[in-house]
């Protein structure tokens, strides 16, 4: 199971690199690639939140609308006799 954290409606992964000995992650559900890292869980959380805040600031400065995260829902329509 992959752990995620949330901030301002965005979700981000919590991953660990054995090679680099660091925590890292990326924001889920948008086309833009937003990544963050930290040496501790608190640093990772702080950098995740700073990344989201910086994304909103960048969008504002470039007169762009921030992407809204998509929701992963699956709708299945079944016939009544099933």
C-alpha atoms as a PDB file:
ATOM      1  CA  UNK A   1       0.000   0.000   0.000  1.00  0.00           C
ATOM      2  CA  UNK A   2       1.342   3.402  -0.941  1.00  0.00           C
ATOM      3  CA  UNK A   3       1.070   6.141   1.646  1.00  0.00           C
ATOM      4  CA  UNK A   4      -0.227   9.560   0.597  1.00  0.00           C
ATOM      5  CA  UNK A   5      -0.586  12.947   2.231  1.00  0.00           C
ATOM      6  CA  UNK A   6      -3.043  15.740   1.424  1.00  0.00           C
ATOM      7  CA  UNK A   7      -2.886  19.522   1.312  1.00  0.00           C
ATOM      8  CA  UNK A   8      -5.281  22.046  -0.266  1.00  0.00           C
ATOM      9  CA  UNK A   9      -7.117  19.247  -2.084  1.00  0.00           C
ATOM     10  CA  UNK A  10      -3.945  17.757  -3.601  1.00  0.00           C
ATOM     11  CA  UNK A  11      -2.503  14.360  -2.747  1.00  0.00           C
ATOM     12  CA  UNK A  12       1.158  13.435  -2.797  1.00  0.00           C
ATOM     13  CA  UNK A  13       3.101  10.209  -2.488  1.00  0.00           C
ATOM     14  CA  UNK A  14       5.506   9.262   0.289  1.00  0.00           C
ATOM     15  CA  UNK A  15       8.409   7.229  -1.077  1.00  0.00           C
ATOM     16  CA  UNK A  16      11.917   6.318   0.073  1.00  0.00           C
ATOM     17  CA  UNK A  17      15.104   6.031  -1.979  1.00  0.00           C
ATOM     18  CA  UNK A  18      17.575   3.480  -0.593  1.00  0.00           C
ATOM     19  CA  UNK A  19      20.183   4.683  -3.078  1.00  0.00           C
ATOM     20  CA  UNK A  20      19.974   8.344  -2.014  1.00  0.00           C
ATOM     21  CA  UNK A  21      18.809   7.702   1.576  1.00  0.00           C
ATOM     22  CA  UNK A  22      16.069  10.322   1.251  1.00  0.00           C
ATOM     23  CA  UNK A  23      12.289  10.591   1.335  1.00  0.00           C
ATOM     24  CA  UNK A  24      10.642  11.943  -1.809  1.00  0.00           C
ATOM     25  CA  UNK A  25       7.299  12.110  -3.559  1.00  0.00           C
ATOM     26  CA  UNK A  26       5.230  13.678  -6.278  1.00  0.00           C
ATOM     27  CA  UNK A  27       1.813  15.293  -6.507  1.00  0.00           C
ATOM     28  CA  UNK A  28      -0.863  12.957  -7.874  1.00  0.00           C
ATOM     29  CA  UNK A  29      -3.753  13.646 -10.224  1.00  0.00           C
ATOM     30  CA  UNK A  30      -2.409  16.553 -12.296  1.00  0.00           C
ATOM     31  CA  UNK A  31      -0.442  16.729 -15.547  1.00  0.00           C
ATOM     32  CA  UNK A  32       2.216  19.036 -14.123  1.00  0.00           C
ATOM     33  CA  UNK A  33       5.152  17.284 -12.481  1.00  0.00           C
ATOM     34  CA  UNK A  34       5.514  18.561  -8.937  1.00  0.00           C
ATOM     35  CA  UNK A  35       8.036  16.744  -6.750  1.00  0.00           C
ATOM     36  CA  UNK A  36       9.423  17.268  -3.249  1.00  0.00           C
ATOM     37  CA  UNK A  37      11.880  15.661  -0.836  1.00  0.00           C
ATOM     38  CA  UNK A  38      13.101  15.648   2.736  1.00  0.00           C
ATOM     39  CA  UNK A  39      15.370  13.867   5.200  1.00  0.00           C
ATOM     40  CA  UNK A  40      12.542  13.349   7.719  1.00  0.00           C
ATOM     41  CA  UNK A  41       8.785  12.910   7.426  1.00  0.00           C
ATOM     42  CA  UNK A  42       8.282  16.443   8.750  1.00  0.00           C
ATOM     43  CA  UNK A  43      10.699  17.868   6.149  1.00  0.00           C
ATOM     44  CA  UNK A  44       8.896  15.890   3.435  1.00  0.00           C
ATOM     45  CA  UNK A  45       5.502  17.201   4.576  1.00  0.00           C
ATOM     46  CA  UNK A  46       6.799  20.779   4.770  1.00  0.00           C
ATOM     47  CA  UNK A  47       8.347  20.567   1.287  1.00  0.00           C
ATOM     48  CA  UNK A  48       5.129  19.020  -0.105  1.00  0.00           C
ATOM     49  CA  UNK A  49       3.082  21.923   1.265  1.00  0.00           C
ATOM     50  CA  UNK A  50       5.662  24.475   0.050  1.00  0.00           C
ATOM     51  CA  UNK A  51       5.554  22.857  -3.410  1.00  0.00           C
ATOM     52  CA  UNK A  52       1.756  23.220  -3.585  1.00  0.00           C
ATOM     53  CA  UNK A  53       1.933  26.830  -2.346  1.00  0.00           C
ATOM     54  CA  UNK A  54       4.698  27.619  -4.884  1.00  0.00           C
ATOM     55  CA  UNK A  55       2.594  26.026  -7.647  1.00  0.00           C
ATOM     56  CA  UNK A  56      -0.345  28.307  -6.818  1.00  0.00           C
ATOM     57  CA  UNK A  57       1.966  31.339  -6.688  1.00  0.00           C
ATOM     58  CA  UNK A  58       3.551  30.419 -10.039  1.00  0.00           C
ATOM     59  CA  UNK A  59       0.127  29.995 -11.652  1.00  0.00           C
ATOM     60  CA  UNK A  60      -0.952  33.361 -10.256  1.00  0.00           C
ATOM     61  CA  UNK A  61       2.218  35.083 -11.533  1.00  0.00           C
ATOM     62  CA  UNK A  62       1.713  33.611 -15.024  1.00  0.00           C
ATOM     63  CA  UNK A  63      -2.026  34.321 -15.085  1.00  0.00           C
ATOM     64  CA  UNK A  64      -2.840  30.595 -15.252  1.00  0.00           C
ATOM     65  CA  UNK A  65      -5.494  28.535 -13.505  1.00  0.00           C
ATOM     66  CA  UNK A  66      -4.015  25.771 -11.311  1.00  0.00           C
ATOM     67  CA  UNK A  67      -4.945  22.272 -12.417  1.00  0.00           C
ATOM     68  CA  UNK A  68      -7.546  20.594 -10.260  1.00  0.00           C
ATOM     69  CA  UNK A  69      -6.632  17.055  -9.246  1.00  0.00           C
ATOM     70  CA  UNK A  70      -8.665  14.449 -11.043  1.00  0.00           C
ATOM     71  CA  UNK A  71     -10.583  11.930  -9.021  1.00  0.00           C
ATOM     72  CA  UNK A  72     -10.105   8.275  -9.821  1.00  0.00           C
ATOM     73  CA  UNK A  73     -13.642   6.944  -9.925  1.00  0.00           C
ATOM     74  CA  UNK A  74     -14.848   4.039 -12.001  1.00  0.00           C
ATOM     75  CA  UNK A  75     -18.496   3.934 -13.004  1.00  0.00           C
ATOM     76  CA  UNK A  76     -19.911   0.585 -14.050  1.00  0.00           C
ATOM     77  CA  UNK A  77     -23.448   0.330 -15.384  1.00  0.00           C
ATOM     78  CA  UNK A  78     -24.961  -3.119 -15.014  1.00  0.00           C
ATOM     79  CA  UNK A  79     -28.187  -4.395 -16.446  1.00  0.00           C
ATOM     80  CA  UNK A  80     -30.893  -4.940 -13.792  1.00  0.00           C
ATOM     81  CA  UNK A  81     -30.963  -8.726 -14.295  1.00  0.00           C
ATOM     82  CA  UNK A  82     -27.309  -9.058 -13.288  1.00  0.00           C
END
